[in-house]
Protein backbone atom coordinates (compact mmCIF):
# COMPACT_ATOMS: atom_id res chain seq x y z
CA UNK A 1 -36.23 -22.43 31.15
CA UNK A 2 -39.01 -24.75 28.98
CA UNK A 3 -37.69 -25.71 25.28
CA UNK A 4 -39.84 -23.04 23.97
CA UNK A 5 -38.61 -20.08 26.26
CA UNK A 6 -34.89 -21.03 25.49
CA UNK A 7 -36.05 -21.57 21.29
CA UNK A 8 -37.31 -18.10 22.26
CA UNK A 9 -34.09 -16.39 23.76
CA UNK A 10 -32.18 -18.04 21.28
CA UNK A 11 -33.04 -16.27 18.31
CA UNK A 12 -33.66 -13.53 19.58
CA UNK A 13 -30.18 -13.38 20.08
CA UNK A 14 -28.41 -14.98 16.86
CA UNK A 15 -30.92 -12.50 14.96
CA UNK A 16 -29.14 -9.12 16.78
CA UNK A 17 -25.84 -11.15 16.01
CA UNK A 18 -26.96 -11.27 12.86
CA UNK A 19 -28.71 -8.40 11.55
CA UNK A 20 -27.20 -6.14 14.21
CA UNK A 21 -31.10 -5.30 14.73
CA UNK A 22 -33.46 -5.04 18.23
CA UNK A 23 -36.02 -8.33 17.84
CA UNK A 24 -38.78 -9.56 19.87
CA UNK A 25 -40.90 -12.81 20.26
CA UNK A 26 -43.23 -10.50 18.61
CA UNK A 27 -41.56 -10.61 15.74
CA UNK A 28 -41.95 -14.19 15.23
CA UNK A 29 -44.27 -17.17 15.90
CA UNK A 30 -42.78 -20.36 16.90
CA UNK A 31 -44.44 -23.46 16.44
CA UNK A 32 -45.41 -26.95 17.20
CA UNK A 33 -43.20 -28.59 14.06
CA UNK A 34 -46.34 -30.71 11.89
CA UNK A 35 -45.74 -34.66 12.60
CA UNK A 36 -45.50 -34.18 9.24
CA UNK A 37 -42.37 -32.66 8.80
CA UNK A 38 -38.97 -33.09 10.07
CA UNK A 39 -37.72 -31.58 13.54
CA UNK A 40 -39.53 -30.72 16.86
CA UNK A 41 -39.87 -26.86 17.12
CA UNK A 42 -41.46 -24.53 14.32
CA UNK A 43 -39.72 -20.74 13.65
CA UNK A 44 -42.28 -18.61 11.21
CA UNK A 45 -39.90 -16.93 9.06
CA UNK A 46 -42.67 -14.87 7.26
CA UNK A 47 -42.90 -12.22 9.56
CA UNK A 48 -39.25 -11.17 9.56
CA UNK A 49 -39.11 -10.49 5.77
CA UNK A 50 -40.08 -6.99 5.49
CA UNK A 51 -37.99 -5.75 7.85
CA UNK A 52 -34.91 -7.22 7.34
CA UNK A 53 -35.36 -7.04 3.00
CA UNK A 54 -34.52 -10.85 2.47
CA UNK A 55 -36.39 -14.28 1.44
CA UNK A 56 -37.60 -16.35 3.88
CA UNK A 57 -35.46 -19.02 2.62
CA UNK A 58 -32.50 -16.75 3.26
CA UNK A 59 -33.22 -15.48 7.14
CA UNK A 60 -33.75 -19.47 7.54
CA UNK A 61 -31.03 -20.98 6.92
CA UNK A 62 -28.94 -18.16 7.93
CA UNK A 63 -30.85 -18.41 11.28
CA UNK A 64 -30.52 -22.27 11.20
CA UNK A 65 -26.97 -22.68 10.58
CA UNK A 66 -26.14 -19.75 13.71
CA UNK A 67 -28.63 -21.46 16.30
CA UNK A 68 -27.15 -25.25 15.47
CA UNK A 69 -23.78 -23.90 15.40
CA UNK A 70 -24.01 -21.42 18.15
CA UNK A 71 -26.51 -23.60 20.37
CA UNK A 72 -26.07 -27.17 20.11
CA UNK A 73 -26.79 -28.27 24.22
CA UNK A 74 -30.17 -27.62 22.59
CA UNK A 75 -30.70 -28.09 19.10
CA UNK A 76 -28.82 -30.40 16.83
CA UNK A 77 -30.20 -29.98 12.86
CA UNK A 78 -32.65 -27.69 10.72
CA UNK A 79 -34.41 -27.69 8.01
CA UNK A 80 -36.39 -25.52 5.70
CA UNK A 81 -39.27 -25.27 3.78
CA UNK A 82 -40.50 -22.58 2.31
CA UNK A 83 -40.49 -20.05 4.71
CA UNK A 84 -40.60 -21.96 7.97
CA UNK A 85 -37.47 -23.00 10.13
CA UNK A 86 -38.22 -26.00 11.20
CA UNK A 87 -35.55 -27.21 14.65
CA UNK A 88 -34.63 -30.26 16.39
CA UNK A 89 -34.11 -30.58 20.18
CA UNK A 90 -31.19 -32.54 20.93
CA UNK A 91 -30.56 -35.17 22.92
CA UNK A 92 -28.94 -33.96 24.81
CA UNK A 93 -31.25 -31.78 26.25
CA UNK A 94 -33.95 -33.94 26.73
CA UNK A 95 -31.69 -36.11 28.51
CA UNK A 96 -30.57 -33.37 31.05
CA UNK A 97 -34.10 -32.13 31.33
CA UNK A 98 -35.11 -35.66 32.24
CA UNK A 99 -32.54 -36.28 34.56
CA UNK A 100 -33.19 -33.16 36.34
CA UNK A 101 -36.46 -33.58 36.84
CA UNK A 102 -36.60 -37.67 37.51
CA UNK A 103 -36.93 -37.13 41.40
CA UNK A 104 -38.88 -34.51 42.05
CA UNK A 105 -42.28 -35.94 43.01
CA UNK A 106 -44.03 -32.63 41.64
CA UNK A 107 -42.76 -32.56 37.90
CA UNK A 108 -46.12 -32.07 35.97
CA UNK A 109 -48.02 -30.90 38.65
CA UNK A 110 -49.78 -27.72 38.29
CA UNK A 111 -49.95 -24.68 41.86
CA UNK A 112 -50.87 -27.11 44.40
CA UNK A 113 -53.81 -28.29 43.67
CA UNK A 114 -52.19 -32.16 44.72
């Protein structure tokens, strides 16, 4: 499972646990964090404001705390910048991914093109 898929799954589970509502990956957007900010991936909080009736920063802090506390194998830190939750992917995740794929001669190749 890719880190983006894991982030979507973890975010949905966390939001459901925190707010006792059902969520899907269509309820929020995930992007790569812009280079000028700290973090690897960004969860955009604005689409959750209306349904949760909370400020984007409050949602981001609660979600960031939940993700880093409950999924430390994936996320090591977070910061909030004006409604954007920037998550840092843990070194453990990257190391395990590298170790898992190091000996796979087909890693990174698409289909049977090679």
